[in-house]
Amino acid sequence: MASEAFYNTYKNYLERYVCEGGTEGVLVEAYQDLTHSLDEKHVQAANILDIHTRALREVMGIRRDSDPVQWIYIDRATEFLAQILVVIDSFLLQLKDRIEHDPLTGLYNRLALYPLLNQLLREAQRKEKPLVVAMLDLDDFKVINDRFGHHAGDRVLIAAAGIIKKALRAADKVVRYGGEEFIIMLPDTSLNRSQVALERIRSQIAGQRLLPEMDVVVTASIGATEYSGRGTASVSDLIAQADRAMYKAKKEGKNMVTCVESECPGKQEE
């Protein structure tokens, strides 16, 4: 249940809107007061339709005239609810956006990964088109934090995230998986074609001074795997395969793109 304060505020505005002729001024006041008091706790605990029904029963209990008049009140109440729900929908979208994005880099975070990847996987199956999933890990990132401090590490993460985003197409997705790891999703792309974008990301991270005032070169190891678009596949398996490919890149010398298939190119010289 919502708090009594929220309910009473809602009922007060509903009654004013119904009984005062559906004035816009009441709606403006309601927008400000209700959205101000509608925090995450209310969103999770309250069903706005239940609140409206309860409040409407009380309001209509106060105003029992003739049937035509009651229908006028009901129409106004319904209009009031529709207007309030528009605002609440906007609030929920903003809340969802905050929850699913990493505040440091602005990228999607781990909470958004499975919904995004499941959607891309379903689209790949429907279209019978390939989907590439890649895991990127910044090499020796702990050394940067230990040597220069976590503020410097944050700057490296922000810069790396910017490089990744700029190298991708609008349909591609990138998620900060955790720490210094990123997952890149490339729909309608074969493993061979994906090497162009992934190698560009790797070379730009290695070639740019992400901490220009400090004597440090940041590199990244990237592992990639492909779902062909045919047959079954699971999100967990794709992530695990990309993770194994990334660790293979680590073992073979870091600063390279590798994949689970043998045709994946090896390390490129700067």
Protein backbone atom coordinates (compact mmCIF):
# COMPACT_ATOMS: atom_id res chain seq x y z
CA MET A 1 0.00 0.00 0.00
CA ALA A 2 1.09 3.55 -0.63
CA SER A 3 1.58 5.83 2.35
CA GLU A 4 -1.54 7.53 3.67
CA ALA A 5 0.04 10.90 2.88
CA PHE A 6 0.33 9.98 -0.81
CA TYR A 7 -3.19 8.54 -0.87
CA ASN A 8 -4.73 11.57 0.83
CA THR A 9 -2.90 13.91 -1.55
CA TYR A 10 -4.15 11.91 -4.55
CA LYS A 11 -7.74 11.83 -3.22
CA ASN A 12 -7.70 15.55 -2.52
CA TYR A 13 -6.65 16.42 -6.09
CA LEU A 14 -9.06 13.88 -7.57
CA GLU A 15 -11.98 15.35 -5.64
CA ARG A 16 -11.04 18.90 -6.61
CA TYR A 17 -10.67 17.92 -10.27
CA VAL A 18 -14.02 16.10 -10.34
CA CYS A 19 -15.97 18.74 -8.45
CA GLU A 20 -14.38 21.89 -9.80
CA GLY A 21 -15.01 21.20 -13.47
CA GLY A 22 -11.80 19.50 -14.58
CA THR A 23 -9.65 22.61 -14.44
CA GLU A 24 -6.11 22.56 -15.73
CA GLY A 25 -4.85 24.38 -12.66
CA VAL A 26 -5.70 21.40 -10.45
CA LEU A 27 -3.78 19.10 -12.79
CA VAL A 28 -0.71 21.35 -12.68
CA GLU A 29 -0.75 21.33 -8.88
CA ALA A 30 -1.25 17.55 -8.86
CA TYR A 31 1.69 17.00 -11.23
CA GLN A 32 4.00 18.89 -8.90
CA ASP A 33 2.83 17.41 -5.60
CA LEU A 34 2.30 13.79 -6.67
CA THR A 35 5.49 13.36 -8.66
CA HIS A 36 7.46 15.00 -5.86
CA SER A 37 6.17 12.45 -3.33
CA LEU A 38 6.25 9.42 -5.67
CA ASP A 39 9.63 7.89 -4.82
CA GLU A 40 10.94 4.38 -5.53
CA LYS A 41 9.20 2.97 -2.46
CA HIS A 42 5.81 4.15 -3.67
CA VAL A 43 6.44 2.83 -7.19
CA GLN A 44 7.26 -0.62 -5.86
CA ALA A 45 4.58 -0.77 -3.14
CA ALA A 46 1.56 0.91 -4.71
CA ASN A 47 -0.65 0.14 -7.67
CA ILE A 48 -1.89 3.50 -8.91
CA LEU A 49 -5.11 1.96 -10.20
CA ASP A 50 -5.95 0.60 -6.74
CA ILE A 51 -5.27 4.04 -5.28
CA HIS A 52 -7.53 5.66 -7.87
CA THR A 53 -10.35 3.15 -7.33
CA ARG A 54 -10.26 3.59 -3.57
CA ALA A 55 -10.16 7.38 -3.84
CA LEU A 56 -12.92 7.46 -6.47
CA ARG A 57 -15.25 5.39 -4.26
CA GLU A 58 -14.79 7.89 -1.46
CA VAL A 59 -15.23 10.88 -3.73
CA MET A 60 -18.38 9.42 -5.34
CA GLY A 61 -19.69 8.57 -1.87
CA ILE A 62 -19.55 12.26 -1.11
CA ARG A 63 -21.26 13.26 -4.34
CA ARG A 64 -24.32 11.10 -5.01
CA ASP A 65 -26.67 13.19 -7.13
CA SER A 66 -28.48 12.00 -10.24
CA ASP A 67 -27.02 9.38 -12.59
CA PRO A 68 -26.13 11.87 -15.40
CA VAL A 69 -24.22 14.00 -12.95
CA GLN A 70 -22.38 10.98 -11.58
CA TRP A 71 -21.32 10.03 -15.10
CA ILE A 72 -19.86 13.53 -15.55
CA TYR A 73 -17.87 12.97 -12.38
CA ILE A 74 -16.72 9.54 -13.55
CA ASP A 75 -15.59 10.89 -16.92
CA ARG A 76 -13.63 13.64 -15.22
CA ALA A 77 -12.09 11.15 -12.78
CA THR A 78 -11.02 8.90 -15.64
CA GLU A 79 -9.47 11.86 -17.44
CA PHE A 80 -7.65 12.79 -14.23
CA LEU A 81 -6.24 9.26 -13.90
CA ALA A 82 -5.11 9.20 -17.53
CA GLN A 83 -3.25 12.48 -17.11
CA ILE A 84 -1.58 11.34 -13.88
CA LEU A 85 -0.54 8.01 -15.45
CA VAL A 86 1.23 9.88 -18.28
CA VAL A 87 3.36 11.60 -15.68
CA ILE A 88 3.95 8.39 -13.71
CA ASP A 89 4.95 6.52 -16.89
CA SER A 90 7.54 9.21 -17.52
CA PHE A 91 8.78 8.88 -13.94
CA LEU A 92 9.07 5.09 -14.27
CA LEU A 93 10.99 5.39 -17.53
CA GLN A 94 13.43 7.80 -15.90
CA LEU A 95 13.77 5.46 -12.94
CA LYS A 96 14.39 2.45 -15.21
CA ASP A 97 17.01 4.45 -17.10
CA ARG A 98 18.83 5.30 -13.87
CA ILE A 99 18.71 1.71 -12.63
CA GLU A 100 20.04 0.20 -15.89
CA HIS A 101 22.92 2.63 -16.50
CA ASP A 102 26.33 2.84 -14.90
CA PRO A 103 26.66 6.29 -13.29
CA LEU A 104 30.41 6.51 -14.00
CA THR A 105 30.55 5.70 -17.72
CA GLY A 106 26.94 6.23 -18.77
CA LEU A 107 26.89 2.77 -20.35
CA TYR A 108 24.33 0.06 -19.67
CA ASN A 109 25.20 -1.87 -16.52
CA ARG A 110 25.00 -5.54 -15.57
CA LEU A 111 21.30 -5.31 -14.65
CA ALA A 112 20.51 -4.41 -18.26
CA LEU A 113 22.73 -7.12 -19.79
CA TYR A 114 20.41 -10.12 -19.77
CA PRO A 115 17.30 -8.26 -21.05
CA LEU A 116 19.37 -6.67 -23.85
CA LEU A 117 21.19 -9.82 -24.86
CA ASN A 118 18.05 -11.97 -24.68
CA GLN A 119 16.29 -9.51 -27.00
CA LEU A 120 19.20 -9.52 -29.48
CA LEU A 121 19.37 -13.31 -29.33
CA ARG A 122 15.66 -13.65 -30.12
CA GLU A 123 16.02 -11.23 -33.03
CA ALA A 124 19.01 -13.19 -34.36
CA GLN A 125 17.00 -16.43 -34.17
CA ARG A 126 13.99 -14.86 -35.86
CA LYS A 127 16.05 -13.34 -38.69
CA GLU A 128 18.54 -16.24 -38.83
CA LYS A 129 21.31 -13.63 -38.69
CA PRO A 130 24.57 -13.91 -36.73
CA LEU A 131 25.19 -12.21 -33.40
CA VAL A 132 28.65 -11.58 -31.95
CA VAL A 133 29.25 -11.22 -28.23
CA ALA A 134 32.64 -9.91 -27.09
CA MET A 135 34.22 -9.47 -23.68
CA LEU A 136 36.74 -6.63 -23.26
CA ASP A 137 39.00 -6.39 -20.22
CA LEU A 138 41.46 -3.57 -19.59
CA ASP A 139 44.89 -5.11 -19.00
CA ASP A 140 46.60 -4.66 -15.61
CA PHE A 141 43.95 -2.25 -14.44
CA LYS A 142 44.73 -2.93 -10.77
CA VAL A 143 48.23 -1.54 -11.35
CA ILE A 144 46.71 1.75 -12.53
CA ASN A 145 44.54 2.00 -9.41
CA ASP A 146 47.43 1.07 -7.12
CA ARG A 147 49.96 3.37 -8.77
CA PHE A 148 47.87 6.43 -9.61
CA GLY A 149 44.77 6.07 -7.43
CA HIS A 150 41.13 5.24 -8.05
CA HIS A 151 40.36 8.68 -9.48
CA ALA A 152 42.85 7.97 -12.29
CA GLY A 153 41.27 4.54 -12.73
CA ASP A 154 37.85 6.15 -13.10
CA ARG A 155 39.22 8.47 -15.78
CA VAL A 156 40.59 5.47 -17.69
CA LEU A 157 37.21 3.71 -17.51
CA ILE A 158 35.38 6.80 -18.77
CA ALA A 159 37.84 7.27 -21.64
CA ALA A 160 37.72 3.58 -22.61
CA ALA A 161 33.91 3.61 -22.55
CA GLY A 162 33.93 6.63 -24.87
CA ILE A 163 36.26 4.88 -27.33
CA ILE A 164 34.07 1.77 -27.36
CA LYS A 165 30.84 3.72 -27.94
CA LYS A 166 32.30 5.78 -30.78
CA ALA A 167 33.53 2.67 -32.58
CA LEU A 168 30.13 0.98 -32.63
CA ARG A 169 27.02 1.32 -34.77
CA ALA A 170 23.69 2.55 -33.44
CA ALA A 171 22.31 -1.00 -33.26
CA ASP A 172 25.30 -2.32 -31.31
CA LYS A 173 25.19 -2.47 -27.52
CA VAL A 174 27.87 -2.17 -24.85
CA VAL A 175 27.54 -2.94 -21.15
CA ARG A 176 29.91 -2.26 -18.29
CA TYR A 177 29.95 -5.80 -16.95
CA GLY A 178 31.83 -5.00 -13.78
CA GLY A 179 35.07 -3.31 -12.77
CA GLU A 180 37.17 -2.95 -15.90
CA GLU A 181 35.19 -5.48 -17.99
CA PHE A 182 32.83 -4.57 -20.82
CA ILE A 183 30.53 -6.73 -22.95
CA ILE A 184 29.98 -5.70 -26.56
CA MET A 185 27.06 -7.04 -28.62
CA LEU A 186 27.11 -6.80 -32.41
CA PRO A 187 23.87 -7.92 -34.11
CA ASP A 188 23.72 -8.91 -37.81
CA THR A 189 27.49 -9.35 -37.74
CA SER A 190 29.64 -12.41 -38.40
CA LEU A 191 32.71 -13.18 -36.32
CA ASN A 192 35.03 -12.28 -39.21
CA ARG A 193 33.32 -8.93 -39.82
CA SER A 194 33.31 -8.13 -36.12
CA GLN A 195 37.11 -8.15 -36.09
CA VAL A 196 37.18 -4.78 -37.83
CA ALA A 197 35.28 -3.00 -35.04
CA LEU A 198 36.91 -4.94 -32.22
CA GLU A 199 40.41 -4.40 -33.56
CA ARG A 200 39.67 -0.69 -33.99
CA ILE A 201 38.62 -0.51 -30.34
CA ARG A 202 41.72 -2.40 -29.19
CA SER A 203 44.12 -0.28 -31.23
CA GLN A 204 42.53 3.02 -30.19
CA ILE A 205 42.68 2.14 -26.49
CA ALA A 206 46.35 1.18 -26.87
CA GLY A 207 47.19 4.13 -29.10
CA GLN A 208 45.60 6.92 -27.07
CA ARG A 209 47.02 8.22 -23.83
CA LEU A 210 44.05 7.79 -21.55
CA LEU A 211 46.04 9.50 -18.76
CA PRO A 212 47.98 12.05 -20.84
CA GLU A 213 49.88 13.59 -17.92
CA MET A 214 51.11 10.21 -16.68
CA ASP A 215 53.60 7.78 -18.17
CA VAL A 216 51.24 4.85 -18.69
CA VAL A 217 49.89 2.95 -21.68
CA VAL A 218 46.52 1.24 -21.26
CA THR A 219 45.73 -1.83 -23.35
CA ALA A 220 42.78 -4.18 -23.64
CA SER A 221 42.28 -7.89 -24.26
CA ILE A 222 39.14 -8.82 -26.19
CA GLY A 223 37.51 -12.21 -26.67
CA ALA A 224 34.64 -12.80 -29.08
CA THR A 225 32.20 -15.55 -29.94
CA GLU A 226 29.41 -15.89 -32.49
CA TYR A 227 25.88 -17.22 -32.54
CA SER A 228 25.09 -18.13 -36.14
CA GLY A 229 21.37 -17.38 -35.92
CA ARG A 230 20.42 -21.04 -36.32
CA GLY A 231 19.64 -23.56 -33.63
CA THR A 232 19.49 -22.82 -29.93
CA ALA A 233 21.83 -20.80 -27.77
CA SER A 234 21.73 -19.34 -24.27
CA VAL A 235 22.81 -15.95 -23.05
CA SER A 236 24.89 -17.53 -20.29
CA ASP A 237 26.74 -19.75 -22.77
CA LEU A 238 27.55 -16.83 -25.07
CA ILE A 239 28.92 -14.78 -22.18
CA ALA A 240 30.96 -17.74 -20.92
CA GLN A 241 32.42 -18.39 -24.40
CA ALA A 242 33.37 -14.73 -24.83
CA ASP A 243 34.93 -14.78 -21.36
CA ARG A 244 37.03 -17.86 -22.24
CA ALA A 245 38.18 -16.22 -25.45
CA MET A 246 39.16 -13.09 -23.54
CA TYR A 247 41.23 -15.11 -21.04
CA LYS A 248 42.91 -16.82 -23.98
CA ALA A 249 43.97 -13.36 -25.17
CA LYS A 250 45.34 -12.64 -21.70
CA LYS A 251 47.36 -15.85 -21.64
CA GLU A 252 48.77 -15.26 -25.11
CA GLY A 253 50.20 -11.86 -24.28
CA LYS A 254 47.35 -9.39 -23.76
CA ASN A 255 46.49 -6.42 -26.02
CA MET A 256 44.86 -8.60 -28.67
CA VAL A 257 41.55 -9.80 -30.09
CA THR A 258 40.88 -13.55 -29.96
CA CYS A 259 37.84 -15.75 -30.40
CA VAL A 260 36.73 -19.34 -29.99
CA GLU A 261 37.16 -20.03 -33.72
CA SER A 262 40.61 -20.75 -35.16
CA GLU A 263 40.31 -18.09 -37.90
CA CYS A 264 40.30 -15.27 -35.35
CA PRO A 265 43.34 -13.04 -35.94
CA GLY A 266 46.02 -12.70 -33.34
CA LYS A 267 47.88 -9.74 -31.91
CA GLN A 268 48.40 -6.75 -34.15
CA GLU A 269 51.51 -4.63 -33.95
CA GLU A 270 51.04 -0.94 -33.09
